[in-house]
Amino acid sequence: MAAEQLAALSFEDALKRLEEIVRQLETGNAPLDTAITLYTEAQALKQHCEARLSDAESRIAQLQLGADGSPVGETPFAG
């Protein structure tokens, strides 16, 4: 998957594709070269999902700060 395509994926779409790849690899039916290609794509999708989650956590933490910078409501996510 091209970097541009990966960057355009939502978290949900990336996770869905990652789950598809895991199912394919778990069957053990993929030829070695295909399995390596799938594994490489899965690694990129995993990093993409982690980045999306980290971004969401940061945005939520920012939303929970008041105008003076003090917490309003729940404690921000711990990284």
N, C-alpha and C. Protein backbone atom coordinates (compact mmCIF):
# COMPACT_ATOMS: atom_id res chain seq x y z
N MET A 1 0.85 -1.18 0.00
CA MET A 1 0.00 0.00 0.00
C MET A 1 0.89 1.23 0.00
N ALA A 2 0.59 2.16 -0.89
CA ALA A 2 1.37 3.38 -1.01
C ALA A 2 1.18 4.26 0.22
N ALA A 3 2.19 5.05 0.53
CA ALA A 3 2.15 5.92 1.71
C ALA A 3 0.96 6.87 1.66
N GLU A 4 0.63 7.37 0.47
CA GLU A 4 -0.50 8.29 0.35
C GLU A 4 -1.81 7.59 0.68
N GLN A 5 -1.94 6.35 0.21
CA GLN A 5 -3.16 5.58 0.50
C GLN A 5 -3.27 5.31 1.99
N LEU A 6 -2.15 4.96 2.60
CA LEU A 6 -2.14 4.66 4.03
C LEU A 6 -2.51 5.90 4.84
N ALA A 7 -1.96 7.03 4.50
CA ALA A 7 -2.23 8.27 5.23
C ALA A 7 -3.70 8.67 5.14
N ALA A 8 -4.35 8.30 4.05
CA ALA A 8 -5.75 8.66 3.85
C ALA A 8 -6.72 7.74 4.59
N LEU A 9 -6.23 6.61 5.09
CA LEU A 9 -7.12 5.66 5.76
C LEU A 9 -7.55 6.16 7.13
N SER A 10 -8.81 5.94 7.44
CA SER A 10 -9.29 6.21 8.79
C SER A 10 -8.75 5.11 9.71
N PHE A 11 -8.82 5.34 10.99
CA PHE A 11 -8.39 4.33 11.95
C PHE A 11 -9.17 3.03 11.73
N GLU A 12 -10.48 3.16 11.55
CA GLU A 12 -11.33 1.98 11.40
C GLU A 12 -11.00 1.18 10.15
N ASP A 13 -10.75 1.87 9.04
CA ASP A 13 -10.40 1.19 7.79
C ASP A 13 -9.04 0.52 7.89
N ALA A 14 -8.09 1.19 8.52
CA ALA A 14 -6.76 0.61 8.70
C ALA A 14 -6.83 -0.63 9.59
N LEU A 15 -7.61 -0.55 10.66
CA LEU A 15 -7.76 -1.69 11.55
C LEU A 15 -8.43 -2.87 10.85
N LYS A 16 -9.42 -2.58 10.03
CA LYS A 16 -10.10 -3.63 9.27
C LYS A 16 -9.12 -4.33 8.33
N ARG A 17 -8.31 -3.55 7.61
CA ARG A 17 -7.32 -4.15 6.70
C ARG A 17 -6.29 -4.95 7.49
N LEU A 18 -5.88 -4.45 8.63
CA LEU A 18 -4.93 -5.16 9.48
C LEU A 18 -5.50 -6.50 9.92
N GLU A 19 -6.76 -6.52 10.29
CA GLU A 19 -7.41 -7.77 10.69
C GLU A 19 -7.49 -8.75 9.52
N GLU A 20 -7.74 -8.25 8.31
CA GLU A 20 -7.78 -9.10 7.12
C GLU A 20 -6.41 -9.76 6.90
N ILE A 21 -5.36 -8.97 7.04
CA ILE A 21 -4.01 -9.49 6.84
C ILE A 21 -3.69 -10.56 7.88
N VAL A 22 -4.05 -10.31 9.12
CA VAL A 22 -3.79 -11.28 10.19
C VAL A 22 -4.49 -12.60 9.86
N ARG A 23 -5.75 -12.53 9.42
CA ARG A 23 -6.47 -13.76 9.05
C ARG A 23 -5.76 -14.50 7.92
N GLN A 24 -5.29 -13.75 6.92
CA GLN A 24 -4.57 -14.38 5.81
C GLN A 24 -3.29 -15.06 6.28
N LEU A 25 -2.54 -14.38 7.13
CA LEU A 25 -1.28 -14.94 7.60
C LEU A 25 -1.51 -16.13 8.53
N GLU A 26 -2.57 -16.09 9.31
CA GLU A 26 -2.86 -17.19 10.23
C GLU A 26 -3.20 -18.49 9.52
N THR A 27 -3.73 -18.40 8.30
CA THR A 27 -4.06 -19.62 7.57
C THR A 27 -2.81 -20.39 7.18
N GLY A 28 -1.70 -19.69 7.02
CA GLY A 28 -0.45 -20.34 6.62
C GLY A 28 -0.42 -20.74 5.16
N ASN A 29 -1.40 -20.29 4.38
CA ASN A 29 -1.48 -20.68 2.97
C ASN A 29 -0.77 -19.72 2.02
N ALA A 30 -0.34 -18.58 2.51
CA ALA A 30 0.29 -17.59 1.64
C ALA A 30 1.73 -18.02 1.33
N PRO A 31 2.12 -17.90 0.06
CA PRO A 31 3.53 -18.16 -0.28
C PRO A 31 4.44 -17.20 0.49
N LEU A 32 5.68 -17.58 0.66
CA LEU A 32 6.61 -16.80 1.49
C LEU A 32 6.70 -15.34 1.05
N ASP A 33 6.87 -15.09 -0.23
CA ASP A 33 6.99 -13.70 -0.71
C ASP A 33 5.73 -12.90 -0.41
N THR A 34 4.57 -13.52 -0.58
CA THR A 34 3.30 -12.86 -0.28
C THR A 34 3.19 -12.60 1.21
N ALA A 35 3.58 -13.57 2.02
CA ALA A 35 3.52 -13.41 3.47
C ALA A 35 4.41 -12.26 3.93
N ILE A 36 5.58 -12.14 3.34
CA ILE A 36 6.49 -11.04 3.70
C ILE A 36 5.88 -9.70 3.31
N THR A 37 5.28 -9.63 2.13
CA THR A 37 4.63 -8.40 1.68
C THR A 37 3.47 -8.04 2.62
N LEU A 38 2.68 -9.03 2.98
CA LEU A 38 1.56 -8.80 3.89
C LEU A 38 2.05 -8.35 5.26
N TYR A 39 3.11 -8.98 5.75
CA TYR A 39 3.67 -8.61 7.05
C TYR A 39 4.16 -7.16 7.04
N THR A 40 4.82 -6.77 5.94
CA THR A 40 5.31 -5.39 5.81
C THR A 40 4.15 -4.40 5.82
N GLU A 41 3.09 -4.74 5.09
CA GLU A 41 1.90 -3.88 5.09
C GLU A 41 1.28 -3.81 6.48
N ALA A 42 1.24 -4.94 7.16
CA ALA A 42 0.67 -4.97 8.51
C ALA A 42 1.45 -4.08 9.47
N GLN A 43 2.77 -4.09 9.35
CA GLN A 43 3.60 -3.23 10.20
C GLN A 43 3.27 -1.76 9.97
N ALA A 44 3.12 -1.37 8.71
CA ALA A 44 2.79 0.02 8.38
C ALA A 44 1.40 0.38 8.90
N LEU A 45 0.45 -0.54 8.77
CA LEU A 45 -0.90 -0.30 9.28
C LEU A 45 -0.90 -0.17 10.80
N LYS A 46 -0.12 -1.00 11.46
CA LYS A 46 -0.02 -0.93 12.93
C LYS A 46 0.51 0.44 13.36
N GLN A 47 1.56 0.90 12.71
CA GLN A 47 2.12 2.21 13.04
C GLN A 47 1.11 3.32 12.77
N HIS A 48 0.37 3.19 11.67
CA HIS A 48 -0.66 4.18 11.33
C HIS A 48 -1.74 4.22 12.41
N CYS A 49 -2.20 3.05 12.84
CA CYS A 49 -3.24 2.98 13.88
C CYS A 49 -2.73 3.57 15.20
N GLU A 50 -1.49 3.24 15.56
CA GLU A 50 -0.92 3.78 16.79
C GLU A 50 -0.82 5.30 16.73
N ALA A 51 -0.44 5.83 15.59
CA ALA A 51 -0.33 7.28 15.43
C ALA A 51 -1.70 7.94 15.53
N ARG A 52 -2.70 7.32 14.90
CA ARG A 52 -4.07 7.86 14.98
C ARG A 52 -4.57 7.86 16.42
N LEU A 53 -4.30 6.79 17.16
CA LEU A 53 -4.73 6.72 18.56
C LEU A 53 -4.01 7.76 19.41
N SER A 54 -2.73 7.92 19.18
CA SER A 54 -1.96 8.91 19.92
C SER A 54 -2.49 10.32 19.65
N ASP A 55 -2.80 10.59 18.40
CA ASP A 55 -3.35 11.90 18.03
C ASP A 55 -4.69 12.13 18.71
N ALA A 56 -5.54 11.10 18.71
CA ALA A 56 -6.85 11.22 19.35
C ALA A 56 -6.70 11.46 20.85
N GLU A 57 -5.78 10.75 21.49
CA GLU A 57 -5.55 10.95 22.92
C GLU A 57 -5.10 12.38 23.21
N SER A 58 -4.21 12.91 22.37
CA SER A 58 -3.73 14.28 22.55
C SER A 58 -4.85 15.28 22.39
N ARG A 59 -5.70 15.07 21.38
CA ARG A 59 -6.81 15.99 21.15
C ARG A 59 -7.80 15.95 22.31
N ILE A 60 -8.06 14.77 22.84
CA ILE A 60 -8.98 14.65 23.98
C ILE A 60 -8.39 15.35 25.20
N ALA A 61 -7.10 15.15 25.43
CA ALA A 61 -6.45 15.80 26.56
C ALA A 61 -6.53 17.32 26.43
N GLN A 62 -6.34 17.85 25.23
CA GLN A 62 -6.43 19.29 25.02
C GLN A 62 -7.84 19.80 25.26
N LEU A 63 -8.83 19.02 24.85
CA LEU A 63 -10.22 19.42 25.04
C LEU A 63 -10.59 19.48 26.52
N GLN A 64 -9.86 18.72 27.33
CA GLN A 64 -10.17 18.65 28.75
C GLN A 64 -9.46 19.72 29.57
N LEU A 65 -8.72 20.60 28.91
CA LEU A 65 -8.06 21.68 29.62
C LEU A 65 -8.89 22.95 29.52
N GLY A 66 -8.97 23.68 30.61
CA GLY A 66 -9.71 24.94 30.62
C GLY A 66 -8.89 26.04 29.98
N ALA A 67 -9.47 27.23 29.92
CA ALA A 67 -8.82 28.39 29.30
C ALA A 67 -7.50 28.74 29.99
N ASP A 68 -7.43 28.48 31.28
CA ASP A 68 -6.20 28.78 32.02
C ASP A 68 -5.20 27.64 32.00
N GLY A 69 -5.52 26.54 31.30
CA GLY A 69 -4.61 25.41 31.21
C GLY A 69 -4.80 24.37 32.29
N SER A 70 -5.72 24.65 33.20
CA SER A 70 -5.95 23.66 34.27
C SER A 70 -6.94 22.62 33.79
N PRO A 71 -6.84 21.40 34.31
CA PRO A 71 -7.75 20.31 33.87
C PRO A 71 -9.21 20.63 34.20
N VAL A 72 -10.06 20.31 33.25
CA VAL A 72 -11.50 20.44 33.43
C VAL A 72 -12.06 19.03 33.19
N GLY A 73 -12.59 18.42 34.20
CA GLY A 73 -13.13 17.08 34.03
C GLY A 73 -12.07 16.03 34.33
N GLU A 74 -12.08 14.98 33.54
CA GLU A 74 -11.20 13.84 33.77
C GLU A 74 -9.74 14.21 33.54
N THR A 75 -8.87 13.41 34.11
CA THR A 75 -7.43 13.58 33.92
C THR A 75 -7.07 13.22 32.49
N PRO A 76 -6.22 14.01 31.84
CA PRO A 76 -5.79 13.68 30.47
C PRO A 76 -5.15 12.30 30.40
N PHE A 77 -5.21 11.67 29.24
CA PHE A 77 -4.62 10.36 29.04
C PHE A 77 -3.14 10.40 29.38
N ALA A 78 -2.66 9.33 29.97
CA ALA A 78 -1.23 9.18 30.23
C ALA A 78 -0.63 8.49 29.03
N GLY A 79 0.44 9.03 28.48
CA GLY A 79 1.09 8.47 27.30
C GLY A 79 1.86 7.30 27.65
